[in-house]
């Protein structure tokens, strides 16, 4: 049980970070394109990690959009 609890907590933390990075990218889009692109790139890397964790746990209860 410990591993599944750890994975679920990690998914929750990654989801919060993903949402924050997407919001930052959106807010920076008008002022600084480079930072916006970098934030979006980091968010995509986190999304990839979230998808891998979703595959491992097989609980697709995360709504990202």
PDB file of N, CA and C in Angstrom:
ATOM      1  N   UNK A   1       0.806  -1.198   0.000  1.00  0.00           N
ATOM      2  CA  UNK A   1       0.000   0.000   0.000  1.00  0.00           C
ATOM      3  C   UNK A   1       0.846   1.259   0.000  1.00  0.00           C
ATOM      4  N   UNK A   2       2.006   1.165   0.598  1.00  0.00           N
ATOM      5  CA  UNK A   2       2.849   2.348   0.690  1.00  0.00           C
ATOM      6  C   UNK A   2       3.189   2.903  -0.690  1.00  0.00           C
ATOM      7  N   UNK A   3       3.541   2.031  -1.604  1.00  0.00           N
ATOM      8  CA  UNK A   3       3.927   2.496  -2.937  1.00  0.00           C
ATOM      9  C   UNK A   3       2.776   3.160  -3.665  1.00  0.00           C
ATOM     10  N   UNK A   4       1.592   2.602  -3.557  1.00  0.00           N
ATOM     11  CA  UNK A   4       0.454   3.206  -4.256  1.00  0.00           C
ATOM     12  C   UNK A   4       0.095   4.555  -3.644  1.00  0.00           C
ATOM     13  N   UNK A   5       0.192   4.675  -2.324  1.00  0.00           N
ATOM     14  CA  UNK A   5      -0.066   5.969  -1.685  1.00  0.00           C
ATOM     15  C   UNK A   5       0.966   7.001  -2.128  1.00  0.00           C
ATOM     16  N   UNK A   6       2.202   6.577  -2.198  1.00  0.00           N
ATOM     17  CA  UNK A   6       3.267   7.475  -2.638  1.00  0.00           C
ATOM     18  C   UNK A   6       3.020   7.935  -4.077  1.00  0.00           C
ATOM     19  N   UNK A   7       2.645   7.015  -4.928  1.00  0.00           N
ATOM     20  CA  UNK A   7       2.408   7.353  -6.336  1.00  0.00           C
ATOM     21  C   UNK A   7       1.228   8.309  -6.466  1.00  0.00           C
ATOM     22  N   UNK A   8       0.177   8.072  -5.696  1.00  0.00           N
ATOM     23  CA  UNK A   8      -0.986   8.960  -5.767  1.00  0.00           C
ATOM     24  C   UNK A   8      -0.650  10.365  -5.268  1.00  0.00           C
ATOM     25  N   UNK A   9       0.151  10.449  -4.210  1.00  0.00           N
ATOM     26  CA  UNK A   9       0.565  11.762  -3.713  1.00  0.00           C
ATOM     27  C   UNK A   9       1.450  12.466  -4.736  1.00  0.00           C
ATOM     28  N   UNK A  10       2.313  11.709  -5.361  1.00  0.00           N
ATOM     29  CA  UNK A  10       3.202  12.280  -6.383  1.00  0.00           C
ATOM     30  C   UNK A  10       2.389  12.800  -7.564  1.00  0.00           C
ATOM     31  N   UNK A  11       1.369  12.022  -7.975  1.00  0.00           N
ATOM     32  CA  UNK A  11       0.505  12.477  -9.072  1.00  0.00           C
ATOM     33  C   UNK A  11      -0.198  13.775  -8.726  1.00  0.00           C
ATOM     34  N   UNK A  12      -0.666  13.863  -7.502  1.00  0.00           N
ATOM     35  CA  UNK A  12      -1.372  15.071  -7.072  1.00  0.00           C
ATOM     36  C   UNK A  12      -0.430  16.280  -7.099  1.00  0.00           C
ATOM     37  N   UNK A  13       0.793  16.079  -6.623  1.00  0.00           N
ATOM     38  CA  UNK A  13       1.779  17.154  -6.607  1.00  0.00           C
ATOM     39  C   UNK A  13       2.154  17.568  -8.040  1.00  0.00           C
ATOM     40  N   UNK A  14       2.348  16.586  -8.907  1.00  0.00           N
ATOM     41  CA  UNK A  14       2.689  16.882 -10.297  1.00  0.00           C
ATOM     42  C   UNK A  14       1.544  17.589 -11.005  1.00  0.00           C
ATOM     43  N   UNK A  15       0.319  17.209 -10.682  1.00  0.00           N
ATOM     44  CA  UNK A  15      -0.841  17.859 -11.308  1.00  0.00           C
ATOM     45  C   UNK A  15      -0.890  19.340 -10.935  1.00  0.00           C
ATOM     46  N   UNK A  16      -0.639  19.653  -9.654  1.00  0.00           N
ATOM     47  CA  UNK A  16      -0.635  21.054  -9.229  1.00  0.00           C
ATOM     48  C   UNK A  16       0.465  21.836  -9.945  1.00  0.00           C
ATOM     49  N   UNK A  17       1.628  21.231 -10.050  1.00  0.00           N
ATOM     50  CA  UNK A  17       2.747  21.893 -10.719  1.00  0.00           C
ATOM     51  C   UNK A  17       2.442  22.103 -12.203  1.00  0.00           C
ATOM     52  N   UNK A  18       1.822  21.100 -12.835  1.00  0.00           N
ATOM     53  CA  UNK A  18       1.448  21.202 -14.246  1.00  0.00           C
ATOM     54  C   UNK A  18       0.480  22.367 -14.466  1.00  0.00           C
ATOM     55  N   UNK A  19      -0.536  22.447 -13.651  1.00  0.00           N
ATOM     56  CA  UNK A  19      -1.537  23.503 -13.795  1.00  0.00           C
ATOM     57  C   UNK A  19      -0.899  24.871 -13.594  1.00  0.00           C
ATOM     58  N   UNK A  20      -0.002  24.976 -12.609  1.00  0.00           N
ATOM     59  CA  UNK A  20       0.663  26.252 -12.371  1.00  0.00           C
ATOM     60  C   UNK A  20       1.530  26.670 -13.559  1.00  0.00           C
ATOM     61  N   UNK A  21       2.247  25.718 -14.133  1.00  0.00           N
ATOM     62  CA  UNK A  21       3.101  26.031 -15.279  1.00  0.00           C
ATOM     63  C   UNK A  21       2.286  26.436 -16.505  1.00  0.00           C
ATOM     64  N   UNK A  22       1.162  25.785 -16.722  1.00  0.00           N
ATOM     65  CA  UNK A  22       0.300  26.147 -17.848  1.00  0.00           C
ATOM     66  C   UNK A  22      -0.269  27.552 -17.654  1.00  0.00           C
ATOM     67  N   UNK A  23      -0.671  27.872 -16.429  1.00  0.00           N
ATOM     68  CA  UNK A  23      -1.171  29.221 -16.152  1.00  0.00           C
ATOM     69  C   UNK A  23      -0.077  30.263 -16.351  1.00  0.00           C
ATOM     70  N   UNK A  24       1.136  29.950 -15.898  1.00  0.00           N
ATOM     71  CA  UNK A  24       2.252  30.870 -16.096  1.00  0.00           C
ATOM     72  C   UNK A  24       2.521  31.076 -17.581  1.00  0.00           C
ATOM     73  N   UNK A  25       2.499  30.002 -18.340  1.00  0.00           N
ATOM     74  CA  UNK A  25       2.741  30.110 -19.777  1.00  0.00           C
ATOM     75  C   UNK A  25       1.681  30.992 -20.434  1.00  0.00           C
ATOM     76  N   UNK A  26       0.456  30.820 -20.029  1.00  0.00           N
ATOM     77  CA  UNK A  26      -0.628  31.633 -20.597  1.00  0.00           C
ATOM     78  C   UNK A  26      -0.458  33.105 -20.232  1.00  0.00           C
ATOM     79  N   UNK A  27      -0.119  33.371 -18.977  1.00  0.00           N
ATOM     80  CA  UNK A  27       0.034  34.756 -18.529  1.00  0.00           C
ATOM     81  C   UNK A  27       1.250  35.440 -19.161  1.00  0.00           C
ATOM     82  N   UNK A  28       2.289  34.689 -19.428  1.00  0.00           N
ATOM     83  CA  UNK A  28       3.501  35.258 -20.013  1.00  0.00           C
ATOM     84  C   UNK A  28       3.424  35.391 -21.530  1.00  0.00           C
ATOM     85  N   UNK A  29       2.430  34.816 -22.128  1.00  0.00           N
ATOM     86  CA  UNK A  29       2.336  34.796 -23.587  1.00  0.00           C
ATOM     87  C   UNK A  29       2.364  36.199 -24.196  1.00  0.00           C
ATOM     88  N   UNK A  30       1.761  37.157 -23.522  1.00  0.00           N
ATOM     89  CA  UNK A  30       1.692  38.517 -24.071  1.00  0.00           C
ATOM     90  C   UNK A  30       2.955  39.328 -23.828  1.00  0.00           C
ATOM     91  N   UNK A  31       3.688  39.004 -22.757  1.00  0.00           N
ATOM     92  CA  UNK A  31       4.826  39.841 -22.398  1.00  0.00           C
ATOM     93  C   UNK A  31       6.172  39.234 -22.773  1.00  0.00           C
ATOM     94  N   UNK A  32       6.348  37.945 -22.546  1.00  0.00           N
ATOM     95  CA  UNK A  32       7.662  37.326 -22.791  1.00  0.00           C
ATOM     96  C   UNK A  32       7.454  35.959 -23.431  1.00  0.00           C
ATOM     97  N   UNK A  33       7.632  35.901 -24.723  1.00  0.00           N
ATOM     98  CA  UNK A  33       7.375  34.668 -25.464  1.00  0.00           C
ATOM     99  C   UNK A  33       8.343  33.554 -25.084  1.00  0.00           C
ATOM    100  N   UNK A  34       9.587  33.897 -24.829  1.00  0.00           N
ATOM    101  CA  UNK A  34      10.582  32.878 -24.496  1.00  0.00           C
ATOM    102  C   UNK A  34      10.245  32.190 -23.178  1.00  0.00           C
ATOM    103  N   UNK A  35       9.911  32.969 -22.157  1.00  0.00           N
ATOM    104  CA  UNK A  35       9.539  32.369 -20.872  1.00  0.00           C
ATOM    105  C   UNK A  35       8.255  31.564 -20.982  1.00  0.00           C
ATOM    106  N   UNK A  36       7.333  32.046 -21.809  1.00  0.00           N
ATOM    107  CA  UNK A  36       6.097  31.320 -22.019  1.00  0.00           C
ATOM    108  C   UNK A  36       6.369  29.955 -22.650  1.00  0.00           C
ATOM    109  N   UNK A  37       7.217  29.928 -23.657  1.00  0.00           N
ATOM    110  CA  UNK A  37       7.561  28.669 -24.314  1.00  0.00           C
ATOM    111  C   UNK A  37       8.281  27.725 -23.358  1.00  0.00           C
ATOM    112  N   UNK A  38       9.180  28.275 -22.541  1.00  0.00           N
ATOM    113  CA  UNK A  38       9.913  27.447 -21.596  1.00  0.00           C
ATOM    114  C   UNK A  38       8.983  26.858 -20.547  1.00  0.00           C
ATOM    115  N   UNK A  39       8.053  27.654 -20.059  1.00  0.00           N
ATOM    116  CA  UNK A  39       7.091  27.169 -19.072  1.00  0.00           C
ATOM    117  C   UNK A  39       6.205  26.080 -19.676  1.00  0.00           C
ATOM    118  N   UNK A  40       5.807  26.268 -20.913  1.00  0.00           N
ATOM    119  CA  UNK A  40       4.986  25.260 -21.591  1.00  0.00           C
ATOM    120  C   UNK A  40       5.777  23.968 -21.817  1.00  0.00           C
ATOM    121  N   UNK A  41       7.054  24.102 -22.138  1.00  0.00           N
ATOM    122  CA  UNK A  41       7.918  22.930 -22.312  1.00  0.00           C
ATOM    123  C   UNK A  41       8.021  22.138 -21.007  1.00  0.00           C
ATOM    124  N   UNK A  42       8.236  22.839 -19.895  1.00  0.00           N
ATOM    125  CA  UNK A  42       8.323  22.157 -18.603  1.00  0.00           C
ATOM    126  C   UNK A  42       6.991  21.493 -18.252  1.00  0.00           C
ATOM    127  N   UNK A  43       5.891  22.151 -18.582  1.00  0.00           N
ATOM    128  CA  UNK A  43       4.573  21.585 -18.317  1.00  0.00           C
ATOM    129  C   UNK A  43       4.366  20.310 -19.131  1.00  0.00           C
ATOM    130  N   UNK A  44       4.841  20.291 -20.372  1.00  0.00           N
ATOM    131  CA  UNK A  44       4.701  19.091 -21.197  1.00  0.00           C
ATOM    132  C   UNK A  44       5.529  17.939 -20.651  1.00  0.00           C
ATOM    133  N   UNK A  45       6.687  18.232 -20.095  1.00  0.00           N
ATOM    134  CA  UNK A  45       7.493  17.186 -19.476  1.00  0.00           C
ATOM    135  C   UNK A  45       6.773  16.597 -18.265  1.00  0.00           C
ATOM    136  N   UNK A  46       6.127  17.455 -17.489  1.00  0.00           N
ATOM    137  CA  UNK A  46       5.381  16.980 -16.325  1.00  0.00           C
ATOM    138  C   UNK A  46       4.158  16.189 -16.768  1.00  0.00           C
ATOM    139  N   UNK A  47       3.515  16.626 -17.840  1.00  0.00           N
ATOM    140  CA  UNK A  47       2.371  15.891 -18.360  1.00  0.00           C
ATOM    141  C   UNK A  47       2.779  14.479 -18.776  1.00  0.00           C
ATOM    142  N   UNK A  48       3.945  14.349 -19.373  1.00  0.00           N
ATOM    143  CA  UNK A  48       4.458  13.029 -19.753  1.00  0.00           C
ATOM    144  C   UNK A  48       4.643  12.147 -18.510  1.00  0.00           C
ATOM    145  N   UNK A  49       5.178  12.722 -17.438  1.00  0.00           N
ATOM    146  CA  UNK A  49       5.347  11.967 -16.196  1.00  0.00           C
ATOM    147  C   UNK A  49       3.993  11.559 -15.624  1.00  0.00           C
ATOM    148  N   UNK A  50       3.020  12.471 -15.695  1.00  0.00           N
ATOM    149  CA  UNK A  50       1.680  12.160 -15.200  1.00  0.00           C
ATOM    150  C   UNK A  50       1.058  11.005 -15.983  1.00  0.00           C
ATOM    151  N   UNK A  51       1.248  11.011 -17.283  1.00  0.00           N
ATOM    152  CA  UNK A  51       0.699   9.930 -18.109  1.00  0.00           C
ATOM    153  C   UNK A  51       1.351   8.592 -17.757  1.00  0.00           C
ATOM    154  N   UNK A  52       2.652   8.602 -17.480  1.00  0.00           N
ATOM    155  CA  UNK A  52       3.315   7.361 -17.083  1.00  0.00           C
ATOM    156  C   UNK A  52       2.787   6.863 -15.747  1.00  0.00           C
ATOM    157  N   UNK A  53       2.585   7.774 -14.797  1.00  0.00           N
ATOM    158  CA  UNK A  53       2.053   7.369 -13.495  1.00  0.00           C
ATOM    159  C   UNK A  53       0.616   6.876 -13.628  1.00  0.00           C
ATOM    160  N   UNK A  54      -0.145   7.484 -14.516  1.00  0.00           N
ATOM    161  CA  UNK A  54      -1.520   7.041 -14.749  1.00  0.00           C
ATOM    162  C   UNK A  54      -1.524   5.612 -15.283  1.00  0.00           C
ATOM    163  N   UNK A  55      -0.579   5.302 -16.130  1.00  0.00           N
ATOM    164  CA  UNK A  55      -0.476   3.954 -16.677  1.00  0.00           C
ATOM    165  C   UNK A  55      -0.114   2.952 -15.585  1.00  0.00           C
ATOM    166  N   UNK A  56       0.771   3.334 -14.675  1.00  0.00           N
ATOM    167  CA  UNK A  56       1.208   2.441 -13.606  1.00  0.00           C
ATOM    168  C   UNK A  56       0.071   2.174 -12.630  1.00  0.00           C
ATOM    169  N   UNK A  57      -0.600   3.209 -12.193  1.00  0.00           N
ATOM    170  CA  UNK A  57      -1.651   3.063 -11.188  1.00  0.00           C
ATOM    171  C   UNK A  57      -2.959   2.616 -11.816  1.00  0.00           C
ATOM    172  N   UNK A  58      -3.182   3.013 -13.060  1.00  0.00           N
ATOM    173  CA  UNK A  58      -4.399   2.670 -13.794  1.00  0.00           C
ATOM    174  C   UNK A  58      -5.642   3.257 -13.142  1.00  0.00           C
ATOM    175  N   UNK A  59      -5.512   4.485 -12.651  1.00  0.00           N
ATOM    176  CA  UNK A  59      -6.654   5.232 -12.138  1.00  0.00           C
ATOM    177  C   UNK A  59      -6.710   6.555 -12.888  1.00  0.00           C
ATOM    178  N   UNK A  60      -7.417   6.607 -13.981  1.00  0.00           N
ATOM    179  CA  UNK A  60      -7.446   7.843 -14.789  1.00  0.00           C
ATOM    180  C   UNK A  60      -8.406   8.888 -14.233  1.00  0.00           C
ATOM    181  N   UNK A  61      -8.264   9.248 -12.949  1.00  0.00           N
ATOM    182  CA  UNK A  61      -9.187  10.190 -12.364  1.00  0.00           C
ATOM    183  C   UNK A  61      -8.661  11.624 -12.404  1.00  0.00           C
ATOM    184  N   UNK A  62      -7.524  11.856 -13.027  1.00  0.00           N
ATOM    185  CA  UNK A  62      -6.986  13.198 -13.142  1.00  0.00           C
ATOM    186  C   UNK A  62      -7.597  13.891 -14.344  1.00  0.00           C
ATOM    187  N   UNK A  63      -8.164  15.053 -14.106  1.00  0.00           N
ATOM    188  CA  UNK A  63      -8.668  15.863 -15.196  1.00  0.00           C
ATOM    189  C   UNK A  63      -7.725  17.036 -15.351  1.00  0.00           C
ATOM    190  N   UNK A  64      -7.039  17.086 -16.465  1.00  0.00           N
ATOM    191  CA  UNK A  64      -6.018  18.106 -16.655  1.00  0.00           C
ATOM    192  C   UNK A  64      -6.535  19.348 -17.337  1.00  0.00           C
ATOM    193  N   UNK A  65      -7.642  19.282 -17.967  1.00  0.00           N
ATOM    194  CA  UNK A  65      -8.106  20.443 -18.714  1.00  0.00           C
ATOM    195  C   UNK A  65      -9.432  20.904 -18.187  1.00  0.00           C
TER     196      UNK A  65
END
